[in-house]
Amino acid sequence: MSQEKSKGTGFLGYQRPGTASFLGMPSAQASYETKIEYRVVPADPARHDRLKPGTRPWRIILTPLGATAQPIALEIHGDVVLGSNNELDPDLDVNLAHWRGYSYGVSRRHVMIRPSPHKLFILDLRSTNGTHINGLPLGVGWAYALQDGDLITLGRLQMRVRLIQSPETAVHR
């Protein structure tokens, strides 16, 4: 092995955290210099009420399965509503319309992601086509503590969740 390879730099197969290839995208699609840009949600700072001031927020990446859409990187400061609506909806924090959510049966207000200092929960918001976690149904009003690598299905739209940072982690993964 060359000295360049042993250092982990200077060759095409190297994947460093913060690149698109780190998200599980094939290296042909990943740009070596692509940085992850986290979208702060909810956008309204008045709704950043779930974590104590000064606490590090949750950071997650949602990656659609079987689709060519880009992953979504979120920095979560409060309750976040995910759904699909082709029109502008001020009550929707993450609109999955660009993932063709509506055609996959994603409701306008499908689920809520609720942060706490120790766990990140997902709740179904009385969606029409249901929510499944790792193939098991999530009942309306039930909260499930997300884990790194969980498979979330909203209607028929499947996505993998990566927990990158929690309020308790000392460094980014």
C-alpha atoms as a PDB file:
ATOM      1  CA  MET A   1       0.000   0.000   0.000  1.00  0.00           C
ATOM      2  CA  SER A   2       1.358   3.388  -0.921  1.00  0.00           C
ATOM      3  CA  GLN A   3       2.028   6.002   1.700  1.00  0.00           C
ATOM      4  CA  GLU A   4      -0.722   8.192   0.209  1.00  0.00           C
ATOM      5  CA  LYS A   5      -3.294   5.430   0.664  1.00  0.00           C
ATOM      6  CA  SER A   6      -2.217   4.662   4.214  1.00  0.00           C
ATOM      7  CA  LYS A   7      -2.837   8.289   5.127  1.00  0.00           C
ATOM      8  CA  GLY A   8      -6.323   8.101   3.596  1.00  0.00           C
ATOM      9  CA  THR A   9      -5.764  10.898   1.111  1.00  0.00           C
ATOM     10  CA  GLY A  10      -4.924  11.300  -2.531  1.00  0.00           C
ATOM     11  CA  PHE A  11      -6.857   8.448  -4.137  1.00  0.00           C
ATOM     12  CA  LEU A  12     -10.377   8.098  -5.482  1.00  0.00           C
ATOM     13  CA  GLY A  13     -11.639   5.486  -3.026  1.00  0.00           C
ATOM     14  CA  TYR A  14     -11.105   7.634   0.048  1.00  0.00           C
ATOM     15  CA  GLN A  15     -14.273   8.643   1.852  1.00  0.00           C
ATOM     16  CA  ARG A  16     -14.163  11.173   4.599  1.00  0.00           C
ATOM     17  CA  PRO A  17     -17.021  12.212   6.871  1.00  0.00           C
ATOM     18  CA  GLY A  18     -18.851  15.180   5.459  1.00  0.00           C
ATOM     19  CA  THR A  19     -18.810  13.995   1.849  1.00  0.00           C
ATOM     20  CA  ALA A  20     -21.681  12.686  -0.226  1.00  0.00           C
ATOM     21  CA  SER A  21     -20.001   9.262  -0.385  1.00  0.00           C
ATOM     22  CA  PHE A  22     -20.238   9.112   3.408  1.00  0.00           C
ATOM     23  CA  LEU A  23     -24.026   9.181   2.954  1.00  0.00           C
ATOM     24  CA  GLY A  24     -23.974   5.842   1.173  1.00  0.00           C
ATOM     25  CA  MET A  25     -24.147   7.285  -2.326  1.00  0.00           C
ATOM     26  CA  PRO A  26     -22.131   5.411  -4.980  1.00  0.00           C
ATOM     27  CA  SER A  27     -18.719   7.025  -5.374  1.00  0.00           C
ATOM     28  CA  ALA A  28     -19.457   7.797  -9.046  1.00  0.00           C
ATOM     29  CA  GLN A  29     -22.272  10.112  -7.888  1.00  0.00           C
ATOM     30  CA  ALA A  30     -20.345  11.611  -5.000  1.00  0.00           C
ATOM     31  CA  SER A  31     -18.193  14.651  -5.410  1.00  0.00           C
ATOM     32  CA  TYR A  32     -15.000  14.403  -3.377  1.00  0.00           C
ATOM     33  CA  GLU A  33     -15.390  17.934  -2.054  1.00  0.00           C
ATOM     34  CA  THR A  34     -19.162  17.894  -1.394  1.00  0.00           C
ATOM     35  CA  LYS A  35     -19.876  19.157   2.100  1.00  0.00           C
ATOM     36  CA  ILE A  36     -22.985  18.383   4.079  1.00  0.00           C
ATOM     37  CA  GLU A  37     -25.128  21.466   4.604  1.00  0.00           C
ATOM     38  CA  TYR A  38     -27.625  20.975   7.421  1.00  0.00           C
ATOM     39  CA  ARG A  39     -30.946  22.751   7.144  1.00  0.00           C
ATOM     40  CA  VAL A  40     -32.052  24.254  10.470  1.00  0.00           C
ATOM     41  CA  VAL A  41     -35.576  23.114  11.333  1.00  0.00           C
ATOM     42  CA  PRO A  42     -37.966  24.403  12.308  1.00  0.00           C
ATOM     43  CA  ALA A  43     -37.113  27.554  10.377  1.00  0.00           C
ATOM     44  CA  ASP A  44     -38.920  29.784  12.908  1.00  0.00           C
ATOM     45  CA  PRO A  45     -36.562  30.379  15.889  1.00  0.00           C
ATOM     46  CA  ALA A  46     -39.623  30.895  18.120  1.00  0.00           C
ATOM     47  CA  ARG A  47     -40.262  27.139  17.739  1.00  0.00           C
ATOM     48  CA  HIS A  48     -36.778  26.158  18.981  1.00  0.00           C
ATOM     49  CA  ASP A  49     -38.216  25.156  22.332  1.00  0.00           C
ATOM     50  CA  ARG A  50     -37.425  21.454  22.773  1.00  0.00           C
ATOM     51  CA  LEU A  51     -33.799  21.746  23.857  1.00  0.00           C
ATOM     52  CA  LYS A  52     -32.231  23.894  26.552  1.00  0.00           C
ATOM     53  CA  PRO A  53     -30.491  27.042  25.295  1.00  0.00           C
ATOM     54  CA  GLY A  54     -26.845  26.321  24.524  1.00  0.00           C
ATOM     55  CA  THR A  55     -27.521  22.618  23.961  1.00  0.00           C
ATOM     56  CA  ARG A  56     -26.188  21.131  20.754  1.00  0.00           C
ATOM     57  CA  PRO A  57     -29.030  20.219  18.350  1.00  0.00           C
ATOM     58  CA  TRP A  58     -29.711  16.830  16.818  1.00  0.00           C
ATOM     59  CA  ARG A  59     -28.294  16.334  13.319  1.00  0.00           C
ATOM     60  CA  ILE A  60     -29.739  13.653  11.067  1.00  0.00           C
ATOM     61  CA  ILE A  61     -29.618  12.653   7.419  1.00  0.00           C
ATOM     62  CA  LEU A  62     -32.642  11.175   5.643  1.00  0.00           C
ATOM     63  CA  THR A  63     -31.799   9.193   2.505  1.00  0.00           C
ATOM     64  CA  PRO A  64     -34.581   7.962   0.190  1.00  0.00           C
ATOM     65  CA  LEU A  65     -34.323   4.344  -0.954  1.00  0.00           C
ATOM     66  CA  GLY A  66     -34.840   3.460  -4.583  1.00  0.00           C
ATOM     67  CA  ALA A  67     -34.959   7.096  -5.652  1.00  0.00           C
ATOM     68  CA  THR A  68     -32.501   9.405  -7.332  1.00  0.00           C
ATOM     69  CA  ALA A  69     -33.316  12.305  -5.006  1.00  0.00           C
ATOM     70  CA  GLN A  70     -30.622  13.805  -2.811  1.00  0.00           C
ATOM     71  CA  PRO A  71     -30.508  13.073   0.932  1.00  0.00           C
ATOM     72  CA  ILE A  72     -31.826  15.708   3.331  1.00  0.00           C
ATOM     73  CA  ALA A  73     -29.557  16.813   6.193  1.00  0.00           C
ATOM     74  CA  LEU A  74     -31.439  18.366   9.114  1.00  0.00           C
ATOM     75  CA  GLU A  75     -30.314  20.244  12.221  1.00  0.00           C
ATOM     76  CA  ILE A  76     -33.236  19.789  14.596  1.00  0.00           C
ATOM     77  CA  HIS A  77     -33.990  22.462  17.217  1.00  0.00           C
ATOM     78  CA  GLY A  78     -37.674  21.744  17.879  1.00  0.00           C
ATOM     79  CA  ASP A  79     -40.652  19.705  16.688  1.00  0.00           C
ATOM     80  CA  VAL A  80     -40.372  19.061  12.935  1.00  0.00           C
ATOM     81  CA  VAL A  81     -43.346  18.115  10.728  1.00  0.00           C
ATOM     82  CA  LEU A  82     -42.662  16.042   7.593  1.00  0.00           C
ATOM     83  CA  GLY A  83     -45.199  15.628   4.821  1.00  0.00           C
ATOM     84  CA  SER A  84     -45.858  16.247   1.158  1.00  0.00           C
ATOM     85  CA  ASN A  85     -47.668  19.185  -0.388  1.00  0.00           C
ATOM     86  CA  ASN A  86     -47.257  20.642  -3.879  1.00  0.00           C
ATOM     87  CA  GLU A  87     -48.238  24.059  -2.522  1.00  0.00           C
ATOM     88  CA  LEU A  88     -46.446  26.265  -0.002  1.00  0.00           C
ATOM     89  CA  ASP A  89     -47.494  25.115   3.472  1.00  0.00           C
ATOM     90  CA  PRO A  90     -46.280  27.143   6.484  1.00  0.00           C
ATOM     91  CA  ASP A  91     -47.124  24.261   8.849  1.00  0.00           C
ATOM     92  CA  LEU A  92     -44.793  21.867   7.002  1.00  0.00           C
ATOM     93  CA  ASP A  93     -41.128  21.964   8.039  1.00  0.00           C
ATOM     94  CA  VAL A  94     -39.857  19.324   5.593  1.00  0.00           C
ATOM     95  CA  ASN A  95     -41.766  18.977   2.334  1.00  0.00           C
ATOM     96  CA  LEU A  96     -41.145  15.617   0.659  1.00  0.00           C
ATOM     97  CA  ALA A  97     -42.809  16.723  -2.594  1.00  0.00           C
ATOM     98  CA  HIS A  98     -39.375  16.817  -4.289  1.00  0.00           C
ATOM     99  CA  TRP A  99     -39.113  13.084  -3.441  1.00  0.00           C
ATOM    100  CA  ARG A 100     -42.549  12.639  -5.123  1.00  0.00           C
ATOM    101  CA  GLY A 101     -43.998  12.066  -1.671  1.00  0.00           C
ATOM    102  CA  TYR A 102     -47.599  12.548  -2.680  1.00  0.00           C
ATOM    103  CA  SER A 103     -47.388   9.832  -5.367  1.00  0.00           C
ATOM    104  CA  TYR A 104     -45.947   7.483  -2.707  1.00  0.00           C
ATOM    105  CA  GLY A 105     -48.860   8.137  -0.356  1.00  0.00           C
ATOM    106  CA  VAL A 106     -47.202  10.635   1.992  1.00  0.00           C
ATOM    107  CA  SER A 107     -49.850  12.757   3.739  1.00  0.00           C
ATOM    108  CA  ARG A 108     -49.681  16.546   3.877  1.00  0.00           C
ATOM    109  CA  ARG A 109     -48.743  16.332   7.570  1.00  0.00           C
ATOM    110  CA  HIS A 110     -47.511  12.756   7.938  1.00  0.00           C
ATOM    111  CA  VAL A 111     -45.120  12.549  10.908  1.00  0.00           C
ATOM    112  CA  MET A 112     -43.490  14.707  13.551  1.00  0.00           C
ATOM    113  CA  ILE A 113     -39.904  14.331  14.703  1.00  0.00           C
ATOM    114  CA  ARG A 114     -39.613  15.453  18.317  1.00  0.00           C
ATOM    115  CA  PRO A 115     -36.193  15.994  19.901  1.00  0.00           C
ATOM    116  CA  SER A 116     -35.348  15.477  23.544  1.00  0.00           C
ATOM    117  CA  PRO A 117     -31.933  15.686  25.205  1.00  0.00           C
ATOM    118  CA  HIS A 118     -31.499  11.892  25.135  1.00  0.00           C
ATOM    119  CA  LYS A 119     -33.674  10.553  22.298  1.00  0.00           C
ATOM    120  CA  LEU A 120     -35.164  11.607  18.990  1.00  0.00           C
ATOM    121  CA  PHE A 121     -38.780  10.492  18.613  1.00  0.00           C
ATOM    122  CA  ILE A 122     -41.029  10.038  15.580  1.00  0.00           C
ATOM    123  CA  LEU A 123     -44.842  10.219  15.846  1.00  0.00           C
ATOM    124  CA  ASP A 124     -47.496   9.527  13.201  1.00  0.00           C
ATOM    125  CA  LEU A 125     -49.859  12.512  12.792  1.00  0.00           C
ATOM    126  CA  ARG A 126     -52.946  10.510  11.774  1.00  0.00           C
ATOM    127  CA  SER A 127     -51.577   9.918   8.290  1.00  0.00           C
ATOM    128  CA  THR A 128     -53.835   8.318   5.698  1.00  0.00           C
ATOM    129  CA  ASN A 129     -51.401   5.587   4.595  1.00  0.00           C
ATOM    130  CA  GLY A 130     -49.549   4.968   7.842  1.00  0.00           C
ATOM    131  CA  THR A 131     -45.984   4.952   9.075  1.00  0.00           C
ATOM    132  CA  HIS A 132     -43.715   1.937   9.498  1.00  0.00           C
ATOM    133  CA  ILE A 133     -40.404   1.707  11.313  1.00  0.00           C
ATOM    134  CA  ASN A 134     -38.196  -1.199  10.228  1.00  0.00           C
ATOM    135  CA  GLY A 135     -41.272  -2.830   8.684  1.00  0.00           C
ATOM    136  CA  LEU A 136     -43.446  -2.569  11.801  1.00  0.00           C
ATOM    137  CA  PRO A 137     -46.454  -0.220  11.942  1.00  0.00           C
ATOM    138  CA  LEU A 138     -46.258   2.859  14.152  1.00  0.00           C
ATOM    139  CA  GLY A 139     -49.638   3.480  15.733  1.00  0.00           C
ATOM    140  CA  VAL A 140     -51.192   6.931  15.730  1.00  0.00           C
ATOM    141  CA  GLY A 141     -50.091   8.796  18.849  1.00  0.00           C
ATOM    142  CA  TRP A 142     -47.273   6.348  19.599  1.00  0.00           C
ATOM    143  CA  ALA A 143     -43.743   7.704  19.881  1.00  0.00           C
ATOM    144  CA  TYR A 144     -40.793   5.648  18.667  1.00  0.00           C
ATOM    145  CA  ALA A 145     -37.211   6.516  19.646  1.00  0.00           C
ATOM    146  CA  LEU A 146     -35.243   6.590  16.406  1.00  0.00           C
ATOM    147  CA  GLN A 147     -31.978   4.697  16.162  1.00  0.00           C
ATOM    148  CA  ASP A 148     -29.159   5.096  13.680  1.00  0.00           C
ATOM    149  CA  GLY A 149     -29.944   3.107  10.529  1.00  0.00           C
ATOM    150  CA  ASP A 150     -33.703   2.778  11.079  1.00  0.00           C
ATOM    151  CA  LEU A 151     -35.835   2.334   7.962  1.00  0.00           C
ATOM    152  CA  ILE A 152     -38.769   4.773   7.988  1.00  0.00           C
ATOM    153  CA  THR A 153     -41.671   4.204   5.590  1.00  0.00           C
ATOM    154  CA  LEU A 154     -44.219   6.987   5.089  1.00  0.00           C
ATOM    155  CA  GLY A 155     -46.995   5.525   2.952  1.00  0.00           C
ATOM    156  CA  ARG A 156     -44.778   3.737   0.414  1.00  0.00           C
ATOM    157  CA  LEU A 157     -41.823   6.166   0.574  1.00  0.00           C
ATOM    158  CA  GLN A 158     -38.864   4.497   2.268  1.00  0.00           C
ATOM    159  CA  MET A 159     -35.944   6.368   3.757  1.00  0.00           C
ATOM    160  CA  ARG A 160     -32.986   5.485   5.935  1.00  0.00           C
ATOM    161  CA  VAL A 161     -32.197   7.697   8.923  1.00  0.00           C
ATOM    162  CA  ARG A 162     -28.645   8.422  10.054  1.00  0.00           C
ATOM    163  CA  LEU A 163     -28.204   9.961  13.502  1.00  0.00           C
ATOM    164  CA  ILE A 164     -25.111  12.102  13.084  1.00  0.00           C
ATOM    165  CA  GLN A 165     -25.132  14.168  16.284  1.00  0.00           C
ATOM    166  CA  SER A 166     -27.173  14.171  19.466  1.00  0.00           C
ATOM    167  CA  PRO A 167     -27.089  16.741  22.273  1.00  0.00           C
ATOM    168  CA  GLU A 168     -25.001  14.230  24.237  1.00  0.00           C
ATOM    169  CA  THR A 169     -22.345  13.424  21.626  1.00  0.00           C
ATOM    170  CA  ALA A 170     -19.005  15.110  22.041  1.00  0.00           C
ATOM    171  CA  VAL A 171     -18.097  15.055  18.349  1.00  0.00           C
ATOM    172  CA  HIS A 172     -19.809  14.617  15.008  1.00  0.00           C
ATOM    173  CA  ARG A 173     -19.918  11.089  13.613  1.00  0.00           C
END
